[in-house]
Amino acid sequence: MPDIITTVLAKALVMALEALLTRLFVHLVQMARYRMALVPNAV
């Protein structure tokens, strides 16, 4: 029984980390696009 609980918790933790990383990545991409739009000459 504890093995099942551990597996469920591990999967939930991985899903949470993936969601967090996805949000962070999207945020960074949006910031990069905003800066490029703000300064067109920036490389």
PDB file of N, CA and C in Angstrom:
ATOM      1  N   MET A   1       0.828  -1.223   0.000  1.00  0.00           N
ATOM      2  CA  MET A   1       0.000   0.000   0.000  1.00  0.00           C
ATOM      3  C   MET A   1       0.861   1.272   0.000  1.00  0.00           C
ATOM      4  N   PRO A   2       1.880   1.340   0.850  1.00  0.00           N
ATOM      5  CA  PRO A   2       2.726   2.543   0.850  1.00  0.00           C
ATOM      6  C   PRO A   2       3.388   2.769  -0.513  1.00  0.00           C
ATOM      7  N   ASP A   3       3.671   1.682  -1.241  1.00  0.00           N
ATOM      8  CA  ASP A   3       4.299   1.835  -2.555  1.00  0.00           C
ATOM      9  C   ASP A   3       3.383   2.604  -3.502  1.00  0.00           C
ATOM     10  N   ILE A   4       2.079   2.304  -3.436  1.00  0.00           N
ATOM     11  CA  ILE A   4       1.113   2.983  -4.301  1.00  0.00           C
ATOM     12  C   ILE A   4       1.069   4.472  -3.959  1.00  0.00           C
ATOM     13  N   ILE A   5       1.063   4.773  -2.666  1.00  0.00           N
ATOM     14  CA  ILE A   5       1.017   6.169  -2.225  1.00  0.00           C
ATOM     15  C   ILE A   5       2.274   6.904  -2.702  1.00  0.00           C
ATOM     16  N   THR A   6       3.419   6.245  -2.554  1.00  0.00           N
ATOM     17  CA  THR A   6       4.681   6.855  -2.980  1.00  0.00           C
ATOM     18  C   THR A   6       4.674   7.123  -4.478  1.00  0.00           C
ATOM     19  N   THR A   7       4.156   6.164  -5.238  1.00  0.00           N
ATOM     20  CA  THR A   7       4.095   6.319  -6.698  1.00  0.00           C
ATOM     21  C   THR A   7       3.195   7.487  -7.079  1.00  0.00           C
ATOM     22  N   VAL A   8       2.039   7.575  -6.431  1.00  0.00           N
ATOM     23  CA  VAL A   8       1.098   8.664  -6.727  1.00  0.00           C
ATOM     24  C   VAL A   8       1.713  10.012  -6.375  1.00  0.00           C
ATOM     25  N   LEU A   9       2.377  10.079  -5.223  1.00  0.00           N
ATOM     26  CA  LEU A   9       3.002  11.337  -4.811  1.00  0.00           C
ATOM     27  C   LEU A   9       4.122  11.720  -5.772  1.00  0.00           C
ATOM     28  N   ALA A  10       4.893  10.736  -6.206  1.00  0.00           N
ATOM     29  CA  ALA A  10       5.995  10.999  -7.133  1.00  0.00           C
ATOM     30  C   ALA A  10       5.456  11.533  -8.456  1.00  0.00           C
ATOM     31  N   LYS A  11       4.386  10.915  -8.960  1.00  0.00           N
ATOM     32  CA  LYS A  11       3.796  11.368 -10.224  1.00  0.00           C
ATOM     33  C   LYS A  11       3.241  12.777 -10.072  1.00  0.00           C
ATOM     34  N   ALA A  12       2.593  13.047  -8.945  1.00  0.00           N
ATOM     35  CA  ALA A  12       2.029  14.373  -8.710  1.00  0.00           C
ATOM     36  C   ALA A  12       3.144  15.420  -8.649  1.00  0.00           C
ATOM     37  N   LEU A  13       4.253  15.059  -8.015  1.00  0.00           N
ATOM     38  CA  LEU A  13       5.381  15.978  -7.898  1.00  0.00           C
ATOM     39  C   LEU A  13       5.971  16.277  -9.273  1.00  0.00           C
ATOM     40  N   VAL A  14       6.130  15.241 -10.086  1.00  0.00           N
ATOM     41  CA  VAL A  14       6.677  15.419 -11.436  1.00  0.00           C
ATOM     42  C   VAL A  14       5.754  16.298 -12.272  1.00  0.00           C
ATOM     43  N   MET A  15       4.448  16.057 -12.175  1.00  0.00           N
ATOM     44  CA  MET A  15       3.484  16.863 -12.932  1.00  0.00           C
ATOM     45  C   MET A  15       3.550  18.324 -12.497  1.00  0.00           C
ATOM     46  N   ALA A  16       3.684  18.551 -11.193  1.00  0.00           N
ATOM     47  CA  ALA A  16       3.752  19.916 -10.672  1.00  0.00           C
ATOM     48  C   ALA A  16       5.015  20.617 -11.175  1.00  0.00           C
ATOM     49  N   LEU A  17       6.128  19.887 -11.173  1.00  0.00           N
ATOM     50  CA  LEU A  17       7.387  20.466 -11.645  1.00  0.00           C
ATOM     51  C   LEU A  17       7.303  20.784 -13.134  1.00  0.00           C
ATOM     52  N   GLU A  18       6.704  19.870 -13.904  1.00  0.00           N
ATOM     53  CA  GLU A  18       6.570  20.104 -15.341  1.00  0.00           C
ATOM     54  C   GLU A  18       5.710  21.340 -15.603  1.00  0.00           C
ATOM     55  N   ALA A  19       4.618  21.477 -14.852  1.00  0.00           N
ATOM     56  CA  ALA A  19       3.732  22.627 -15.023  1.00  0.00           C
ATOM     57  C   ALA A  19       4.472  23.921 -14.675  1.00  0.00           C
ATOM     58  N   LEU A  20       5.258  23.869 -13.597  1.00  0.00           N
ATOM     59  CA  LEU A  20       6.002  25.052 -13.163  1.00  0.00           C
ATOM     60  C   LEU A  20       7.039  25.451 -14.212  1.00  0.00           C
ATOM     61  N   LEU A  21       7.774  24.450 -14.724  1.00  0.00           N
ATOM     62  CA  LEU A  21       8.794  24.726 -15.735  1.00  0.00           C
ATOM     63  C   LEU A  21       8.153  25.259 -17.015  1.00  0.00           C
ATOM     64  N   THR A  22       6.991  24.722 -17.357  1.00  0.00           N
ATOM     65  CA  THR A  22       6.295  25.174 -18.566  1.00  0.00           C
ATOM     66  C   THR A  22       5.893  26.635 -18.420  1.00  0.00           C
ATOM     67  N   ARG A  23       5.341  26.985 -17.260  1.00  0.00           N
ATOM     68  CA  ARG A  23       4.924  28.374 -17.024  1.00  0.00           C
ATOM     69  C   ARG A  23       6.133  29.305 -17.051  1.00  0.00           C
ATOM     70  N   LEU A  24       7.241  28.857 -16.458  1.00  0.00           N
ATOM     71  CA  LEU A  24       8.450  29.671 -16.427  1.00  0.00           C
ATOM     72  C   LEU A  24       8.980  29.890 -17.841  1.00  0.00           C
ATOM     73  N   PHE A  25       8.992  28.804 -18.645  1.00  0.00           N
ATOM     74  CA  PHE A  25       9.476  28.890 -20.019  1.00  0.00           C
ATOM     75  C   PHE A  25       8.619  29.851 -20.836  1.00  0.00           C
ATOM     76  N   VAL A  26       7.296  29.717 -20.706  1.00  0.00           N
ATOM     77  CA  VAL A  26       6.372  30.590 -21.438  1.00  0.00           C
ATOM     78  C   VAL A  26       6.591  32.044 -21.028  1.00  0.00           C
ATOM     79  N   HIS A  27       6.796  32.266 -19.733  1.00  0.00           N
ATOM     80  CA  HIS A  27       7.014  33.620 -19.233  1.00  0.00           C
ATOM     81  C   HIS A  27       8.294  34.213 -19.834  1.00  0.00           C
ATOM     82  N   LEU A  28       9.359  33.408 -19.880  1.00  0.00           N
ATOM     83  CA  LEU A  28      10.625  33.881 -20.437  1.00  0.00           C
ATOM     84  C   LEU A  28      10.480  34.195 -21.923  1.00  0.00           C
ATOM     85  N   VAL A  29       9.735  33.354 -22.641  1.00  0.00           N
ATOM     86  CA  VAL A  29       9.522  33.583 -24.075  1.00  0.00           C
ATOM     87  C   VAL A  29       8.748  34.877 -24.290  1.00  0.00           C
ATOM     88  N   GLN A  30       7.724  35.098 -23.470  1.00  0.00           N
ATOM     89  CA  GLN A  30       6.931  36.321 -23.595  1.00  0.00           C
ATOM     90  C   GLN A  30       7.789  37.548 -23.296  1.00  0.00           C
ATOM     91  N   MET A  31       8.658  37.451 -22.292  1.00  0.00           N
ATOM     92  CA  MET A  31       9.530  38.573 -21.949  1.00  0.00           C
ATOM     93  C   MET A  31      10.484  38.859 -23.105  1.00  0.00           C
ATOM     94  N   ALA A  32      11.009  37.796 -23.716  1.00  0.00           N
ATOM     95  CA  ALA A  32      11.939  37.955 -24.838  1.00  0.00           C
ATOM     96  C   ALA A  32      11.232  38.624 -26.014  1.00  0.00           C
ATOM     97  N   ARG A  33      10.002  38.194 -26.292  1.00  0.00           N
ATOM     98  CA  ARG A  33       9.240  38.789 -27.393  1.00  0.00           C
ATOM     99  C   ARG A  33       8.948  40.254 -27.097  1.00  0.00           C
ATOM    100  N   TYR A  34       8.619  40.548 -25.841  1.00  0.00           N
ATOM    101  CA  TYR A  34       8.308  41.926 -25.464  1.00  0.00           C
ATOM    102  C   TYR A  34       9.534  42.813 -25.649  1.00  0.00           C
ATOM    103  N   ARG A  35      10.698  42.311 -25.253  1.00  0.00           N
ATOM    104  CA  ARG A  35      11.925  43.104 -25.384  1.00  0.00           C
ATOM    105  C   ARG A  35      12.268  43.318 -26.848  1.00  0.00           C
ATOM    106  N   MET A  36      12.079  42.264 -27.673  1.00  0.00           N
ATOM    107  CA  MET A  36      12.378  42.394 -29.104  1.00  0.00           C
ATOM    108  C   MET A  36      11.439  43.409 -29.745  1.00  0.00           C
ATOM    109  N   ALA A  37      10.164  43.400 -29.321  1.00  0.00           N
ATOM    110  CA  ALA A  37       9.191  44.338 -29.871  1.00  0.00           C
ATOM    111  C   ALA A  37       9.509  45.755 -29.386  1.00  0.00           C
ATOM    112  N   LEU A  38      10.012  45.849 -28.153  1.00  0.00           N
ATOM    113  CA  LEU A  38      10.324  47.146 -27.577  1.00  0.00           C
ATOM    114  C   LEU A  38      11.563  47.746 -28.244  1.00  0.00           C
ATOM    115  N   VAL A  39      12.570  46.897 -28.493  1.00  0.00           N
ATOM    116  CA  VAL A  39      13.813  47.349 -29.128  1.00  0.00           C
ATOM    117  C   VAL A  39      14.045  46.524 -30.392  1.00  0.00           C
ATOM    118  N   PRO A  40      13.513  46.970 -31.530  1.00  0.00           N
ATOM    119  CA  PRO A  40      13.600  46.209 -32.783  1.00  0.00           C
ATOM    120  C   PRO A  40      15.033  45.951 -33.239  1.00  0.00           C
ATOM    121  N   ASN A  41      15.957  46.852 -32.866  1.00  0.00           N
ATOM    122  CA  ASN A  41      17.339  46.710 -33.328  1.00  0.00           C
ATOM    123  C   ASN A  41      18.144  45.722 -32.493  1.00  0.00           C
ATOM    124  N   ALA A  42      17.587  45.260 -31.391  1.00  0.00           N
ATOM    125  CA  ALA A  42      18.306  44.325 -30.529  1.00  0.00           C
ATOM    126  C   ALA A  42      18.458  42.980 -31.229  1.00  0.00           C
ATOM    127  N   VAL A  43      19.643  42.396 -31.083  1.00  0.00           N
ATOM    128  CA  VAL A  43      19.906  41.099 -31.728  1.00  0.00           C
ATOM    129  C   VAL A  43      19.546  39.982 -30.775  1.00  0.00           C
TER     130      VAL A  43
END
